[in-house]
Every structure is written in C-alpha cells, then in structure tokens.
C-alpha cells in the first residue's frame, strides 16, 4: 500500500487543503501532479517497511 504525504510550511485554509487532496487523488491515476511551490510530496510504501514510525501532529 502506498501513502502519499504532502507537507508545507505555509498555513493553508480548508479550501486549499481540499484542492491539494483532489489533485493528489487525480495524480494517483494519471501519475502527474501539479502543485504549488513549497509543497513537498513523499510516497511511503508501507508494505515494504519493517517498522512504522508514528508521528502525531498537534495543532497550535
């Protein structure tokens, strides 16, 4: 299973977050994503990992 993780240092409103989610969903089928600069995307292949590191994101 692959998990897509998108991160940014910018504060995003709910509308922008949803736009990014939709773009990444489309990218899963097309293989292409067009995102704003400053957004880092990683794909985690959890099937091949021996251990899973868990991090909790806590809001301010």
N, C-alpha and C. Protein backbone atom coordinates (compact mmCIF):
# COMPACT_ATOMS: atom_id res chain seq x y z
N UNK A 1 0.84 -1.16 0.00
CA UNK A 1 0.00 0.00 0.00
C UNK A 1 0.89 1.23 0.00
N UNK A 2 0.49 2.22 -0.76
CA UNK A 2 1.23 3.48 -0.83
C UNK A 2 0.43 4.57 -0.12
N UNK A 3 1.14 5.37 0.64
CA UNK A 3 0.54 6.53 1.30
C UNK A 3 1.25 7.77 0.79
N UNK A 4 0.47 8.74 0.32
CA UNK A 4 1.04 9.99 -0.16
C UNK A 4 0.99 11.00 0.98
N UNK A 5 2.13 11.60 1.27
CA UNK A 5 2.24 12.60 2.34
C UNK A 5 2.66 13.91 1.71
N UNK A 6 1.83 14.93 1.85
CA UNK A 6 2.15 16.26 1.34
C UNK A 6 2.34 17.18 2.54
N UNK A 7 3.45 17.92 2.55
CA UNK A 7 3.73 18.83 3.65
C UNK A 7 4.12 20.19 3.11
N UNK A 8 3.89 21.22 3.91
CA UNK A 8 4.28 22.58 3.57
C UNK A 8 4.47 23.37 4.86
N UNK A 9 5.28 24.39 4.79
CA UNK A 9 5.48 25.27 5.94
C UNK A 9 4.43 26.38 5.96
N UNK A 10 3.66 26.49 4.89
CA UNK A 10 2.63 27.54 4.78
C UNK A 10 1.37 27.14 5.54
N UNK A 11 0.65 28.15 6.00
CA UNK A 11 -0.66 27.92 6.60
C UNK A 11 -1.68 27.84 5.48
N UNK A 12 -2.42 26.75 5.42
CA UNK A 12 -3.40 26.55 4.36
C UNK A 12 -4.81 26.57 4.94
N UNK A 13 -5.72 27.21 4.20
CA UNK A 13 -7.11 27.16 4.63
C UNK A 13 -7.72 25.84 4.17
N UNK A 14 -8.91 25.55 4.66
CA UNK A 14 -9.55 24.27 4.35
C UNK A 14 -9.78 24.07 2.86
N UNK A 15 -10.12 25.15 2.15
CA UNK A 15 -10.37 25.06 0.70
C UNK A 15 -9.09 24.63 -0.04
N UNK A 16 -7.97 25.24 0.32
CA UNK A 16 -6.70 24.92 -0.34
C UNK A 16 -6.29 23.48 -0.03
N UNK A 17 -6.48 23.04 1.22
CA UNK A 17 -6.16 21.66 1.59
C UNK A 17 -6.96 20.68 0.75
N UNK A 18 -8.24 20.96 0.55
CA UNK A 18 -9.09 20.08 -0.24
C UNK A 18 -8.66 20.07 -1.71
N UNK A 19 -8.24 21.23 -2.23
CA UNK A 19 -7.74 21.30 -3.61
C UNK A 19 -6.50 20.42 -3.78
N UNK A 20 -5.61 20.43 -2.80
CA UNK A 20 -4.40 19.61 -2.85
C UNK A 20 -4.77 18.13 -2.78
N UNK A 21 -5.70 17.78 -1.90
CA UNK A 21 -6.16 16.38 -1.81
C UNK A 21 -6.72 15.90 -3.14
N UNK A 22 -7.55 16.72 -3.78
CA UNK A 22 -8.14 16.34 -5.06
C UNK A 22 -7.07 16.18 -6.14
N UNK A 23 -6.09 17.08 -6.15
CA UNK A 23 -5.00 16.98 -7.13
C UNK A 23 -4.21 15.69 -6.94
N UNK A 24 -3.97 15.33 -5.68
CA UNK A 24 -3.22 14.10 -5.41
C UNK A 24 -4.04 12.86 -5.75
N UNK A 25 -5.36 12.91 -5.54
CA UNK A 25 -6.21 11.78 -5.93
C UNK A 25 -6.16 11.57 -7.43
N UNK A 26 -6.22 12.66 -8.20
CA UNK A 26 -6.13 12.57 -9.65
C UNK A 26 -4.76 12.06 -10.08
N UNK A 27 -3.72 12.47 -9.35
CA UNK A 27 -2.36 12.06 -9.68
C UNK A 27 -2.16 10.57 -9.49
N UNK A 28 -2.93 9.97 -8.59
CA UNK A 28 -2.80 8.53 -8.37
C UNK A 28 -3.18 7.75 -9.61
N UNK A 29 -4.11 8.27 -10.41
CA UNK A 29 -4.50 7.55 -11.63
C UNK A 29 -3.70 8.02 -12.84
N UNK A 30 -3.37 9.31 -12.90
CA UNK A 30 -2.67 9.83 -14.07
C UNK A 30 -1.15 9.74 -13.95
N UNK A 31 -0.64 9.76 -12.71
CA UNK A 31 0.80 9.73 -12.50
C UNK A 31 1.44 11.11 -12.53
N UNK A 32 0.60 12.17 -12.66
CA UNK A 32 1.13 13.53 -12.74
C UNK A 32 0.38 14.42 -11.76
N UNK A 33 1.12 15.20 -10.97
CA UNK A 33 0.51 16.17 -10.05
C UNK A 33 1.16 17.52 -10.28
N UNK A 34 0.35 18.56 -10.35
CA UNK A 34 0.85 19.92 -10.48
C UNK A 34 0.49 20.64 -9.20
N UNK A 35 1.52 20.94 -8.40
CA UNK A 35 1.31 21.56 -7.09
C UNK A 35 2.08 22.87 -7.00
N UNK A 36 1.67 23.72 -6.09
CA UNK A 36 2.36 24.99 -5.86
C UNK A 36 3.75 24.73 -5.31
N UNK A 37 4.64 25.69 -5.54
CA UNK A 37 5.98 25.56 -4.96
C UNK A 37 5.86 25.62 -3.45
N UNK A 38 6.77 24.97 -2.77
CA UNK A 38 6.74 24.94 -1.32
C UNK A 38 6.02 23.74 -0.74
N UNK A 39 5.44 22.91 -1.62
CA UNK A 39 4.78 21.70 -1.16
C UNK A 39 5.68 20.51 -1.45
N UNK A 40 6.00 19.78 -0.42
CA UNK A 40 6.85 18.59 -0.55
C UNK A 40 5.95 17.36 -0.50
N UNK A 41 6.17 16.45 -1.45
CA UNK A 41 5.36 15.24 -1.52
C UNK A 41 6.27 14.02 -1.41
N UNK A 42 5.88 13.10 -0.53
CA UNK A 42 6.60 11.83 -0.39
C UNK A 42 5.60 10.70 -0.53
N UNK A 43 6.05 9.60 -1.10
CA UNK A 43 5.21 8.41 -1.20
C UNK A 43 5.83 7.34 -0.31
N UNK A 44 5.06 6.86 0.65
CA UNK A 44 5.52 5.83 1.56
C UNK A 44 4.96 4.49 1.12
N UNK A 45 5.83 3.51 0.98
CA UNK A 45 5.40 2.15 0.65
C UNK A 45 5.39 1.38 1.96
N UNK A 46 4.24 1.31 2.60
CA UNK A 46 4.18 0.70 3.93
C UNK A 46 4.27 -0.81 3.90
N UNK A 47 4.05 -1.44 2.75
CA UNK A 47 4.16 -2.90 2.67
C UNK A 47 5.61 -3.36 2.80
N UNK A 48 6.55 -2.51 2.39
CA UNK A 48 7.95 -2.93 2.40
C UNK A 48 8.70 -2.48 3.65
N UNK A 49 8.04 -1.80 4.57
CA UNK A 49 8.72 -1.31 5.78
C UNK A 49 8.61 -2.35 6.87
N UNK A 50 9.71 -2.56 7.56
CA UNK A 50 9.72 -3.48 8.70
C UNK A 50 9.06 -2.87 9.92
N UNK A 51 9.31 -1.58 10.12
CA UNK A 51 8.72 -0.88 11.25
C UNK A 51 8.03 0.36 10.72
N UNK A 52 7.09 0.85 11.45
CA UNK A 52 6.36 2.05 11.06
C UNK A 52 6.56 3.11 12.12
N UNK A 53 7.13 4.22 11.73
CA UNK A 53 7.32 5.33 12.64
C UNK A 53 6.04 6.15 12.68
N UNK A 54 5.54 6.43 13.86
CA UNK A 54 4.30 7.16 14.01
C UNK A 54 4.62 8.51 14.62
N UNK A 55 4.13 9.57 13.96
CA UNK A 55 4.30 10.91 14.48
C UNK A 55 2.93 11.54 14.61
N UNK A 56 2.69 12.22 15.68
CA UNK A 56 1.43 12.91 15.89
C UNK A 56 1.63 14.39 15.59
N UNK A 57 0.74 14.96 14.81
CA UNK A 57 0.78 16.38 14.53
C UNK A 57 -0.23 17.05 15.44
N UNK A 58 0.25 17.98 16.25
CA UNK A 58 -0.60 18.64 17.21
C UNK A 58 -0.77 20.08 16.79
N UNK A 59 -2.02 20.55 16.69
CA UNK A 59 -2.29 21.93 16.32
C UNK A 59 -1.86 22.88 17.42
N UNK A 60 -1.64 24.11 17.02
CA UNK A 60 -1.20 25.14 17.97
C UNK A 60 -2.35 25.63 18.80
